Amino acid sequence: RMIPEVNKGDLIWAEHFVRYIFSGQFVANKKVLDIACGSGFGTAYLAGKKAKHVVGIDISEEAIDYAKEKYSLKNVKFLVGDCEDIPLPDNSIDIVVSFETLEHVSNYEKFIQELKRVSRPGALLILSTPNEKVFPKGNPFHLKEFNYGELNTLLKKYYRNNKFLFENNWFSSAVLSKEGVLAEDLKNPQSNIDLIKLASSDPTNSLYFVVLASDSEIPKEVNQKVGLFSPSVDFTTKLAGALQEKEVLDGRISDLERIAKERESELKSIYSSRTWKLADSLRGIKRNLKKLIKPDNEE
């Protein structure tokens, strides 16, 4: 589970928070369910984005106790509950937020059915899950990971419309003021930062899918969000050193490849020379003579 007080500055912290920052644009004046809410930090964040009411549900009593102690607000309620048997009445929720839950559920069809049951007609589901195609293998807690086609088929079975977005992690180079470097206010992010993405990539190779699904029309205006986070100085220094070492090794590999090509060219030149062909013929004659002239003990 992600706990900001413990994980702040880690990649997992950035991955989790940027999903909630993205979802915050949809929740104003809405009743929201944050299913598998964990420590409750995201539930509280959504409540702060002018949601009418947010319910955070998790199967872990320990997580809910922590959430109640750390993130209790007037418009937030935390409950212990199973995502396959959600303790909420039918047709009671406007927005369902489900982050990194689907892959942990044994009966994922029942999970989606429960999300539909508690949702009002036309409610919006915002769901994220790892991309089976590229996510590192071997997580013992992931019961079922989905590729693009599987997830699309599953959601189309229960929702008339869906819109796929893609979450990934990129190394970033940023030029910021002193204030920009120090800033960490998630409620009022720096509005004067221009993001320029320098390289494209295949969306289906993204690490996570983030999907909007609904029986009503998907909101046309969807603001893409970027979470610019600062890893520790130690990590940054090690990364810079590793990149420098890689650059040196790449240079050595390039030199070795060049030398190998030169040697290959030289060998081709030798093999095609008249001297080599004559010598090769003489070696052939020598081998044949050895076969004809046998030692006395072989007769």
C-alpha atoms as a PDB file:
ATOM      1  CA  ARG A   1       0.000   0.000   0.000  1.00  0.00           C
ATOM      2  CA  MET A   2       1.135   3.524  -0.725  1.00  0.00           C
ATOM      3  CA  ILE A   3       1.494   5.774   2.334  1.00  0.00           C
ATOM      4  CA  PRO A   4       2.570   9.348   1.444  1.00  0.00           C
ATOM      5  CA  GLU A   5       4.411   9.822   4.731  1.00  0.00           C
ATOM      6  CA  VAL A   6       6.544   6.767   3.912  1.00  0.00           C
ATOM      7  CA  ASN A   7       6.701   6.788   0.102  1.00  0.00           C
ATOM      8  CA  LYS A   8       6.821  10.499  -0.682  1.00  0.00           C
ATOM      9  CA  GLY A   9       9.348  11.105  -3.453  1.00  0.00           C
ATOM     10  CA  ASP A  10       9.257   7.466  -4.614  1.00  0.00           C
ATOM     11  CA  LEU A  11       8.026   6.465  -8.049  1.00  0.00           C
ATOM     12  CA  ILE A  12       5.081   4.558  -6.553  1.00  0.00           C
ATOM     13  CA  TRP A  13       3.991   7.787  -4.835  1.00  0.00           C
ATOM     14  CA  ALA A  14       3.997   9.685  -8.135  1.00  0.00           C
ATOM     15  CA  GLU A  15       2.160   6.885  -9.987  1.00  0.00           C
ATOM     16  CA  HIS A  16      -0.638   6.784  -7.408  1.00  0.00           C
ATOM     17  CA  PHE A  17      -1.041  10.517  -6.918  1.00  0.00           C
ATOM     18  CA  VAL A  18      -1.185  11.436 -10.602  1.00  0.00           C
ATOM     19  CA  ARG A  19      -4.224   9.149 -11.021  1.00  0.00           C
ATOM     20  CA  TYR A  20      -6.090  11.020  -8.309  1.00  0.00           C
ATOM     21  CA  ILE A  21      -4.970  14.378  -9.735  1.00  0.00           C
ATOM     22  CA  PHE A  22      -6.382  13.249 -13.086  1.00  0.00           C
ATOM     23  CA  SER A  23      -9.669  12.126 -11.495  1.00  0.00           C
ATOM     24  CA  GLY A  24     -10.077  15.350  -9.565  1.00  0.00           C
ATOM     25  CA  GLN A  25     -11.350  17.148 -12.672  1.00  0.00           C
ATOM     26  CA  PHE A  26     -14.567  15.066 -12.694  1.00  0.00           C
ATOM     27  CA  VAL A  27     -15.731  14.988  -9.071  1.00  0.00           C
ATOM     28  CA  ALA A  28     -17.088  18.476  -8.244  1.00  0.00           C
ATOM     29  CA  ASN A  29     -20.564  18.220  -6.654  1.00  0.00           C
ATOM     30  CA  LYS A  30     -20.588  14.437  -7.169  1.00  0.00           C
ATOM     31  CA  LYS A  31     -20.980  11.466  -4.838  1.00  0.00           C
ATOM     32  CA  VAL A  32     -17.773   9.467  -5.261  1.00  0.00           C
ATOM     33  CA  LEU A  33     -16.688   5.933  -4.379  1.00  0.00           C
ATOM     34  CA  ASP A  34     -12.962   5.259  -3.953  1.00  0.00           C
ATOM     35  CA  ILE A  35     -12.895   1.446  -3.942  1.00  0.00           C
ATOM     36  CA  ALA A  36      -9.813  -0.228  -2.395  1.00  0.00           C
ATOM     37  CA  CYS A  37      -8.824   3.164  -1.028  1.00  0.00           C
ATOM     38  CA  GLY A  38      -5.815   1.925   0.961  1.00  0.00           C
ATOM     39  CA  SER A  39      -4.436   4.550   3.326  1.00  0.00           C
ATOM     40  CA  GLY A  40      -7.097   7.066   2.231  1.00  0.00           C
ATOM     41  CA  PHE A  41      -4.835   9.823   0.885  1.00  0.00           C
ATOM     42  CA  GLY A  42      -6.571   9.809  -2.524  1.00  0.00           C
ATOM     43  CA  THR A  43     -10.029   9.747  -0.982  1.00  0.00           C
ATOM     44  CA  ALA A  44      -9.182  12.918   0.924  1.00  0.00           C
ATOM     45  CA  TYR A  45      -7.681  14.504  -2.191  1.00  0.00           C
ATOM     46  CA  LEU A  46     -10.908  13.961  -4.150  1.00  0.00           C
ATOM     47  CA  ALA A  47     -12.921  15.363  -1.251  1.00  0.00           C
ATOM     48  CA  GLY A  48     -10.789  18.483  -1.472  1.00  0.00           C
ATOM     49  CA  LYS A  49     -11.679  18.874  -5.163  1.00  0.00           C
ATOM     50  CA  LYS A  50     -15.225  19.899  -4.151  1.00  0.00           C
ATOM     51  CA  ALA A  51     -16.802  16.445  -4.275  1.00  0.00           C
ATOM     52  CA  LYS A  52     -20.173  16.416  -2.535  1.00  0.00           C
ATOM     53  CA  HIS A  53     -19.308  13.230  -0.655  1.00  0.00           C
ATOM     54  CA  VAL A  54     -16.578  10.582  -0.963  1.00  0.00           C
ATOM     55  CA  VAL A  55     -16.722   7.036   0.401  1.00  0.00           C
ATOM     56  CA  GLY A  56     -13.425   5.174   0.766  1.00  0.00           C
ATOM     57  CA  ILE A  57     -13.748   1.388   1.074  1.00  0.00           C
ATOM     58  CA  ASP A  58     -10.991  -1.144   1.714  1.00  0.00           C
ATOM     59  CA  ILE A  59     -10.961  -4.768   2.862  1.00  0.00           C
ATOM     60  CA  SER A  60      -8.171  -4.046   5.358  1.00  0.00           C
ATOM     61  CA  GLU A  61      -9.366  -2.905   8.800  1.00  0.00           C
ATOM     62  CA  GLU A  62      -5.855  -1.636   9.528  1.00  0.00           C
ATOM     63  CA  ALA A  63      -5.892   0.558   6.403  1.00  0.00           C
ATOM     64  CA  ILE A  64      -9.334   1.969   7.258  1.00  0.00           C
ATOM     65  CA  ASP A  65      -8.280   2.707  10.850  1.00  0.00           C
ATOM     66  CA  TYR A  66      -5.248   4.579   9.498  1.00  0.00           C
ATOM     67  CA  ALA A  67      -7.392   6.470   6.960  1.00  0.00           C
ATOM     68  CA  LYS A  68      -9.898   7.527   9.636  1.00  0.00           C
ATOM     69  CA  GLU A  69      -7.099   8.770  11.882  1.00  0.00           C
ATOM     70  CA  LYS A  70      -5.163  10.592   9.131  1.00  0.00           C
ATOM     71  CA  TYR A  71      -7.688  11.757   6.533  1.00  0.00           C
ATOM     72  CA  SER A  72     -11.081  12.239   8.187  1.00  0.00           C
ATOM     73  CA  LEU A  73     -13.048  15.136   6.658  1.00  0.00           C
ATOM     74  CA  LYS A  74     -16.668  16.270   6.822  1.00  0.00           C
ATOM     75  CA  ASN A  75     -17.419  15.003   3.317  1.00  0.00           C
ATOM     76  CA  VAL A  76     -15.478  11.709   3.671  1.00  0.00           C
ATOM     77  CA  LYS A  77     -16.603   8.345   5.037  1.00  0.00           C
ATOM     78  CA  PHE A  78     -14.336   5.310   5.377  1.00  0.00           C
ATOM     79  CA  LEU A  79     -15.750   1.767   5.477  1.00  0.00           C
ATOM     80  CA  VAL A  80     -14.350  -1.766   5.689  1.00  0.00           C
ATOM     81  CA  GLY A  81     -15.723  -3.777   2.788  1.00  0.00           C
ATOM     82  CA  ASP A  82     -15.127  -6.347   0.066  1.00  0.00           C
ATOM     83  CA  CYS A  83     -15.039  -5.064  -3.526  1.00  0.00           C
ATOM     84  CA  GLU A  84     -17.071  -8.111  -4.589  1.00  0.00           C
ATOM     85  CA  ASP A  85     -19.761  -7.223  -2.028  1.00  0.00           C
ATOM     86  CA  ILE A  86     -19.671  -3.426  -1.698  1.00  0.00           C
ATOM     87  CA  PRO A  87     -21.487  -2.166   1.445  1.00  0.00           C
ATOM     88  CA  LEU A  88     -23.436   0.578  -0.364  1.00  0.00           C
ATOM     89  CA  PRO A  89     -27.037   0.752  -1.641  1.00  0.00           C
ATOM     90  CA  ASP A  90     -27.992   0.455  -5.297  1.00  0.00           C
ATOM     91  CA  ASN A  91     -27.786   3.543  -7.543  1.00  0.00           C
ATOM     92  CA  SER A  92     -26.046   5.699  -4.926  1.00  0.00           C
ATOM     93  CA  ILE A  93     -22.777   6.800  -6.615  1.00  0.00           C
ATOM     94  CA  ASP A  94     -22.022   9.299  -9.406  1.00  0.00           C
ATOM     95  CA  ILE A  95     -18.283   8.606  -9.856  1.00  0.00           C
ATOM     96  CA  VAL A  96     -16.452   5.344  -9.137  1.00  0.00           C
ATOM     97  CA  VAL A  97     -12.680   5.459  -8.801  1.00  0.00           C
ATOM     98  CA  SER A  98     -10.916   2.076  -8.987  1.00  0.00           C
ATOM     99  CA  PHE A  99      -7.127   2.213  -9.078  1.00  0.00           C
ATOM    100  CA  GLU A 100      -4.957  -0.927  -9.193  1.00  0.00           C
ATOM    101  CA  THR A 101      -7.762  -3.155  -7.924  1.00  0.00           C
ATOM    102  CA  LEU A 102      -9.003  -5.211 -10.867  1.00  0.00           C
ATOM    103  CA  GLU A 103      -5.816  -7.299 -11.077  1.00  0.00           C
ATOM    104  CA  HIS A 104      -6.189  -8.357  -7.415  1.00  0.00           C
ATOM    105  CA  VAL A 105      -9.772  -9.632  -7.673  1.00  0.00           C
ATOM    106  CA  SER A 106     -10.486 -13.344  -8.070  1.00  0.00           C
ATOM    107  CA  ASN A 107     -13.926 -12.792  -9.631  1.00  0.00           C
ATOM    108  CA  TYR A 108     -13.403  -9.643 -11.705  1.00  0.00           C
ATOM    109  CA  GLU A 109     -16.786 -10.006 -13.442  1.00  0.00           C
ATOM    110  CA  LYS A 110     -18.511  -9.879 -10.039  1.00  0.00           C
ATOM    111  CA  PHE A 111     -16.402  -6.831  -9.156  1.00  0.00           C
ATOM    112  CA  ILE A 112     -17.542  -4.913 -12.241  1.00  0.00           C
ATOM    113  CA  GLN A 113     -21.141  -5.985 -11.594  1.00  0.00           C
ATOM    114  CA  GLU A 114     -20.900  -4.550  -8.072  1.00  0.00           C
ATOM    115  CA  LEU A 115     -19.518  -1.272  -9.424  1.00  0.00           C
ATOM    116  CA  LYS A 116     -22.504  -1.108 -11.779  1.00  0.00           C
ATOM    117  CA  ARG A 117     -24.952  -1.941  -8.989  1.00  0.00           C
ATOM    118  CA  VAL A 118     -23.897   0.914  -6.710  1.00  0.00           C
ATOM    119  CA  SER A 119     -23.647   3.385  -9.614  1.00  0.00           C
ATOM    120  CA  ARG A 120     -26.464   5.642 -10.720  1.00  0.00           C
ATOM    121  CA  PRO A 121     -27.530   5.412 -14.386  1.00  0.00           C
ATOM    122  CA  GLY A 122     -24.912   7.208 -16.467  1.00  0.00           C
ATOM    123  CA  ALA A 123     -22.314   7.205 -13.660  1.00  0.00           C
ATOM    124  CA  LEU A 124     -18.645   7.457 -14.633  1.00  0.00           C
ATOM    125  CA  LEU A 125     -16.067   4.762 -13.829  1.00  0.00           C
ATOM    126  CA  ILE A 126     -12.396   5.767 -13.731  1.00  0.00           C
ATOM    127  CA  LEU A 127     -10.335   2.580 -13.624  1.00  0.00           C
ATOM    128  CA  SER A 128      -6.614   1.893 -13.791  1.00  0.00           C
ATOM    129  CA  THR A 129      -4.836  -1.450 -14.037  1.00  0.00           C
ATOM    130  CA  PRO A 130      -1.407  -2.690 -15.169  1.00  0.00           C
ATOM    131  CA  ASN A 131      -0.822  -3.552 -18.818  1.00  0.00           C
ATOM    132  CA  GLU A 132      -0.169  -7.314 -18.950  1.00  0.00           C
ATOM    133  CA  LYS A 133       1.866  -6.846 -22.138  1.00  0.00           C
ATOM    134  CA  VAL A 134       4.681  -4.895 -20.469  1.00  0.00           C
ATOM    135  CA  PHE A 135       4.192  -4.951 -16.680  1.00  0.00           C
ATOM    136  CA  PRO A 136       6.995  -6.874 -14.872  1.00  0.00           C
ATOM    137  CA  LYS A 137       6.045 -10.491 -14.329  1.00  0.00           C
ATOM    138  CA  GLY A 138       5.915 -12.337 -11.037  1.00  0.00           C
ATOM    139  CA  ASN A 139       3.750 -10.209  -8.715  1.00  0.00           C
ATOM    140  CA  PRO A 140       2.157 -12.891  -6.477  1.00  0.00           C
ATOM    141  CA  PHE A 141      -0.763 -10.589  -5.560  1.00  0.00           C
ATOM    142  CA  HIS A 142      -1.873 -10.076  -9.185  1.00  0.00           C
ATOM    143  CA  LEU A 143      -4.437 -12.748  -9.946  1.00  0.00           C
ATOM    144  CA  LYS A 144      -5.235 -11.542 -13.472  1.00  0.00           C
ATOM    145  CA  GLU A 145      -3.532  -8.851 -15.559  1.00  0.00           C
ATOM    146  CA  PHE A 146      -5.181  -7.576 -18.736  1.00  0.00           C
ATOM    147  CA  ASN A 147      -3.922  -6.603 -22.161  1.00  0.00           C
ATOM    148  CA  TYR A 148      -5.620  -3.854 -24.152  1.00  0.00           C
ATOM    149  CA  GLY A 149      -8.023  -6.153 -26.017  1.00  0.00           C
ATOM    150  CA  GLU A 150      -9.103  -8.092 -22.911  1.00  0.00           C
ATOM    151  CA  LEU A 151      -9.805  -4.965 -20.875  1.00  0.00           C
ATOM    152  CA  ASN A 152     -11.665  -3.322 -23.746  1.00  0.00           C
ATOM    153  CA  THR A 153     -13.844  -6.431 -24.181  1.00  0.00           C
ATOM    154  CA  LEU A 154     -14.583  -6.654 -20.448  1.00  0.00           C
ATOM    155  CA  LEU A 155     -15.642  -3.018 -20.094  1.00  0.00           C
ATOM    156  CA  LYS A 156     -17.719  -3.039 -23.293  1.00  0.00           C
ATOM    157  CA  LYS A 157     -19.690  -5.914 -21.789  1.00  0.00           C
ATOM    158  CA  TYR A 158     -20.906  -3.649 -18.974  1.00  0.00           C
ATOM    159  CA  TYR A 159     -20.587  -0.063 -20.297  1.00  0.00           C
ATOM    160  CA  ARG A 160     -21.802   1.373 -23.587  1.00  0.00           C
ATOM    161  CA  ASN A 161     -18.873   3.778 -23.893  1.00  0.00           C
ATOM    162  CA  ASN A 162     -15.248   3.842 -22.832  1.00  0.00           C
ATOM    163  CA  LYS A 163     -12.216   6.005 -23.453  1.00  0.00           C
ATOM    164  CA  PHE A 164      -8.721   4.609 -22.961  1.00  0.00           C
ATOM    165  CA  LEU A 165      -5.901   6.752 -21.638  1.00  0.00           C
ATOM    166  CA  PHE A 166      -2.411   5.558 -20.852  1.00  0.00           C
ATOM    167  CA  GLU A 167      -0.133   6.075 -17.874  1.00  0.00           C
ATOM    168  CA  ASN A 168       3.604   5.698 -18.152  1.00  0.00           C
ATOM    169  CA  ASN A 169       6.769   6.940 -16.484  1.00  0.00           C
ATOM    170  CA  TRP A 170       9.283   9.041 -18.371  1.00  0.00           C
ATOM    171  CA  PHE A 171      12.570  10.587 -17.366  1.00  0.00           C
ATOM    172  CA  SER A 172      12.057  14.330 -17.529  1.00  0.00           C
ATOM    173  CA  SER A 173      14.361  17.285 -17.883  1.00  0.00           C
ATOM    174  CA  ALA A 174      12.872  20.466 -16.466  1.00  0.00           C
ATOM    175  CA  VAL A 175      13.987  24.096 -16.185  1.00  0.00           C
ATOM    176  CA  LEU A 176      12.263  25.581 -13.126  1.00  0.00           C
ATOM    177  CA  SER A 177      12.508  28.625 -10.900  1.00  0.00           C
ATOM    178  CA  LYS A 178      13.508  28.266  -7.263  1.00  0.00           C
ATOM    179  CA  GLU A 179       9.803  28.441  -6.405  1.00  0.00           C
ATOM    180  CA  GLY A 180       8.990  25.774  -8.969  1.00  0.00           C
ATOM    181  CA  VAL A 181      11.640  23.415  -7.584  1.00  0.00           C
ATOM    182  CA  LEU A 182      10.363  23.907  -4.027  1.00  0.00           C
ATOM    183  CA  ALA A 183       6.643  23.668  -4.931  1.00  0.00           C
ATOM    184  CA  GLU A 184       4.708  20.589  -3.835  1.00  0.00           C
ATOM    185  CA  ASP A 185       1.166  21.921  -3.425  1.00  0.00           C
ATOM    186  CA  LEU A 186      -1.086  19.306  -4.999  1.00  0.00           C
ATOM    187  CA  LYS A 187      -4.213  21.412  -4.537  1.00  0.00           C
ATOM    188  CA  ASN A 188      -2.758  24.320  -6.490  1.00  0.00           C
ATOM    189  CA  PRO A 189      -0.150  22.942  -8.902  1.00  0.00           C
ATOM    190  CA  GLN A 190       2.161  25.317 -10.738  1.00  0.00           C
ATOM    191  CA  SER A 191       0.011  26.672 -13.580  1.00  0.00           C
ATOM    192  CA  ASN A 192       2.806  28.376 -15.526  1.00  0.00           C
ATOM    193  CA  ILE A 193       4.761  25.219 -16.395  1.00  0.00           C
ATOM    194  CA  ASP A 194       4.733  24.367 -20.099  1.00  0.00           C
ATOM    195  CA  LEU A 195       5.055  20.674 -20.815  1.00  0.00           C
ATOM    196  CA  ILE A 196       6.745  19.732 -24.076  1.00  0.00           C
ATOM    197  CA  LYS A 197       6.800  15.992 -24.796  1.00  0.00           C
ATOM    198  CA  LEU A 198       9.815  15.276 -26.962  1.00  0.00           C
ATOM    199  CA  ALA A 199       9.196  11.682 -28.062  1.00  0.00           C
ATOM    200  CA  SER A 200       6.190   9.562 -28.964  1.00  0.00           C
ATOM    201  CA  SER A 201       5.592   5.917 -28.067  1.00  0.00           C
ATOM    202  CA  ASP A 202       3.107   3.134 -28.783  1.00  0.00           C
ATOM    203  CA  PRO A 203       0.183   3.659 -26.345  1.00  0.00           C
ATOM    204  CA  THR A 204      -0.383  -0.083 -25.952  1.00  0.00           C
ATOM    205  CA  ASN A 205       3.143  -0.339 -24.524  1.00  0.00           C
ATOM    206  CA  SER A 206       2.252   1.957 -21.619  1.00  0.00           C
ATOM    207  CA  LEU A 207       2.695   0.520 -18.143  1.00  0.00           C
ATOM    208  CA  TYR A 208      -0.886   1.199 -17.028  1.00  0.00           C
ATOM    209  CA  PHE A 209      -4.290   1.653 -18.618  1.00  0.00           C
ATOM    210  CA  VAL A 210      -6.532   4.419 -17.265  1.00  0.00           C
ATOM    211  CA  VAL A 211     -10.055   4.026 -18.641  1.00  0.00           C
ATOM    212  CA  LEU A 212     -13.157   6.192 -18.462  1.00  0.00           C
ATOM    213  CA  ALA A 213     -16.300   4.057 -18.821  1.00  0.00           C
ATOM    214  CA  SER A 214     -19.985   5.006 -18.718  1.00  0.00           C
ATOM    215  CA  ASP A 215     -23.388   4.274 -20.201  1.00  0.00           C
ATOM    216  CA  SER A 216     -23.629   8.003 -20.926  1.00  0.00           C
ATOM    217  CA  GLU A 217     -21.316   9.982 -23.169  1.00  0.00           C
ATOM    218  CA  ILE A 218     -17.721  10.208 -21.957  1.00  0.00           C
ATOM    219  CA  PRO A 219     -16.751  13.811 -21.136  1.00  0.00           C
ATOM    220  CA  LYS A 220     -15.244  15.354 -24.267  1.00  0.00           C
ATOM    221  CA  GLU A 221     -12.966  17.728 -22.405  1.00  0.00           C
ATOM    222  CA  VAL A 222     -10.452  15.559 -20.581  1.00  0.00           C
ATOM    223  CA  ASN A 223      -7.371  17.300 -19.234  1.00  0.00           C
ATOM    224  CA  GLN A 224      -4.232  15.210 -19.454  1.00  0.00           C
ATOM    225  CA  LYS A 225      -2.200  15.350 -16.248  1.00  0.00           C
ATOM    226  CA  VAL A 226       1.493  15.049 -15.554  1.00  0.00           C
ATOM    227  CA  GLY A 227       2.935  14.540 -12.086  1.00  0.00           C
ATOM    228  CA  LEU A 228       6.428  16.009 -11.996  1.00  0.00           C
ATOM    229  CA  PHE A 229       8.122  14.505  -8.945  1.00  0.00           C
ATOM    230  CA  SER A 230      11.615  14.827  -7.522  1.00  0.00           C
ATOM    231  CA  PRO A 231      13.333  11.614  -6.427  1.00  0.00           C
ATOM    232  CA  SER A 232      15.960  11.812  -3.711  1.00  0.00           C
ATOM    233  CA  VAL A 233      19.273  13.537  -4.398  1.00  0.00           C
ATOM    234  CA  ASP A 234      21.041  10.220  -3.824  1.00  0.00           C
ATOM    235  CA  PHE A 235      18.903   8.533  -6.494  1.00  0.00           C
ATOM    236  CA  THR A 236      19.395  11.423  -8.906  1.00  0.00           C
ATOM    237  CA  THR A 237      23.170  11.398  -8.390  1.00  0.00           C
ATOM    238  CA  LYS A 238      23.353   7.625  -8.889  1.00  0.00           C
ATOM    239  CA  LEU A 239      21.186   7.883 -11.982  1.00  0.00           C
ATOM    240  CA  ALA A 240      23.402  10.614 -13.443  1.00  0.00           C
ATOM    241  CA  GLY A 241      26.471   8.491 -12.710  1.00  0.00           C
ATOM    242  CA  ALA A 242      24.883   5.417 -14.260  1.00  0.00           C
ATOM    243  CA  LEU A 243      23.954   7.380 -17.392  1.00  0.00           C
ATOM    244  CA  GLN A 244      27.535   8.658 -17.668  1.00  0.00           C
ATOM    245  CA  GLU A 245      28.883   5.106 -17.290  1.00  0.00           C
ATOM    246  CA  LYS A 246      26.425   3.933 -19.942  1.00  0.00           C
ATOM    247  CA  GLU A 247      27.634   6.680 -22.271  1.00  0.00           C
ATOM    248  CA  VAL A 248      31.257   5.565 -21.758  1.00  0.00           C
ATOM    249  CA  LEU A 249      30.347   1.900 -22.307  1.00  0.00           C
ATOM    250  CA  ASP A 250      28.318   2.783 -25.400  1.00  0.00           C
ATOM    251  CA  GLY A 251      31.418   4.580 -26.733  1.00  0.00           C
ATOM    252  CA  ARG A 252      33.599   1.530 -26.073  1.00  0.00           C
ATOM    253  CA  ILE A 253      31.082  -0.772 -27.712  1.00  0.00           C
ATOM    254  CA  SER A 254      30.977   1.558 -30.717  1.00  0.00           C
ATOM    255  CA  ASP A 255      34.794   1.479 -30.919  1.00  0.00           C
ATOM    256  CA  LEU A 256      34.863  -2.334 -30.680  1.00  0.00           C
ATOM    257  CA  GLU A 257      32.176  -2.635 -33.360  1.00  0.00           C
ATOM    258  CA  ARG A 258      34.205  -0.312 -35.606  1.00  0.00           C
ATOM    259  CA  ILE A 259      37.387  -2.345 -35.019  1.00  0.00           C
ATOM    260  CA  ALA A 260      35.520  -5.594 -35.694  1.00  0.00           C
ATOM    261  CA  LYS A 261      34.246  -4.205 -38.997  1.00  0.00           C
ATOM    262  CA  GLU A 262      37.760  -3.097 -39.939  1.00  0.00           C
ATOM    263  CA  ARG A 263      39.153  -6.575 -39.149  1.00  0.00           C
ATOM    264  CA  GLU A 264      36.334  -8.195 -41.117  1.00  0.00           C
ATOM    265  CA  SER A 265      37.150  -5.946 -44.075  1.00  0.00           C
ATOM    266  CA  GLU A 266      40.849  -6.822 -43.792  1.00  0.00           C
ATOM    267  CA  LEU A 267      40.077 -10.553 -43.704  1.00  0.00           C
ATOM    268  CA  LYS A 268      37.860 -10.262 -46.764  1.00  0.00           C
ATOM    269  CA  SER A 269      40.683  -8.453 -48.525  1.00  0.00           C
ATOM    270  CA  ILE A 270      43.176 -11.182 -47.565  1.00  0.00           C
ATOM    271  CA  TYR A 271      40.843 -14.013 -48.627  1.00  0.00           C
ATOM    272  CA  SER A 272      40.283 -12.398 -52.015  1.00  0.00           C
ATOM    273  CA  SER A 273      43.997 -11.694 -52.651  1.00  0.00           C
ATOM    274  CA  ARG A 274      46.003 -13.667 -55.250  1.00  0.00           C
ATOM    275  CA  THR A 275      48.601 -14.555 -52.609  1.00  0.00           C
ATOM    276  CA  TRP A 276      45.979 -16.146 -50.312  1.00  0.00           C
ATOM    277  CA  LYS A 277      44.387 -18.044 -53.204  1.00  0.00           C
ATOM    278  CA  LEU A 278      47.839 -19.390 -54.255  1.00  0.00           C
ATOM    279  CA  ALA A 279      48.677 -20.330 -50.666  1.00  0.00           C
ATOM    280  CA  ASP A 280      45.290 -21.998 -50.287  1.00  0.00           C
ATOM    281  CA  SER A 281      45.947 -24.035 -53.438  1.00  0.00           C
ATOM    282  CA  LEU A 282      49.370 -25.104 -52.088  1.00  0.00           C
ATOM    283  CA  ARG A 283      47.765 -26.158 -48.802  1.00  0.00           C
ATOM    284  CA  GLY A 284      45.295 -28.246 -50.761  1.00  0.00           C
ATOM    285  CA  ILE A 285      48.154 -29.941 -52.678  1.00  0.00           C
ATOM    286  CA  LYS A 286      49.967 -30.594 -49.395  1.00  0.00           C
ATOM    287  CA  ARG A 287      46.901 -32.280 -47.896  1.00  0.00           C
ATOM    288  CA  ASN A 288      46.507 -34.482 -50.956  1.00  0.00           C
ATOM    289  CA  LEU A 289      50.201 -35.492 -50.881  1.00  0.00           C
ATOM    290  CA  LYS A 290      49.862 -36.513 -47.243  1.00  0.00           C
ATOM    291  CA  LYS A 291      47.067 -38.867 -48.216  1.00  0.00           C
ATOM    292  CA  LEU A 292      49.128 -40.403 -51.047  1.00  0.00           C
ATOM    293  CA  ILE A 293      52.362 -40.793 -49.104  1.00  0.00           C
ATOM    294  CA  LYS A 294      51.559 -43.031 -46.142  1.00  0.00           C
ATOM    295  CA  PRO A 295      54.113 -43.887 -43.459  1.00  0.00           C
ATOM    296  CA  ASP A 296      55.538 -47.479 -43.559  1.00  0.00           C
ATOM    297  CA  ASN A 297      53.695 -48.515 -40.376  1.00  0.00           C
ATOM    298  CA  GLU A 298      50.352 -47.763 -42.055  1.00  0.00           C
ATOM    299  CA  GLU A 299      50.971 -50.163 -44.984  1.00  0.00           C
END
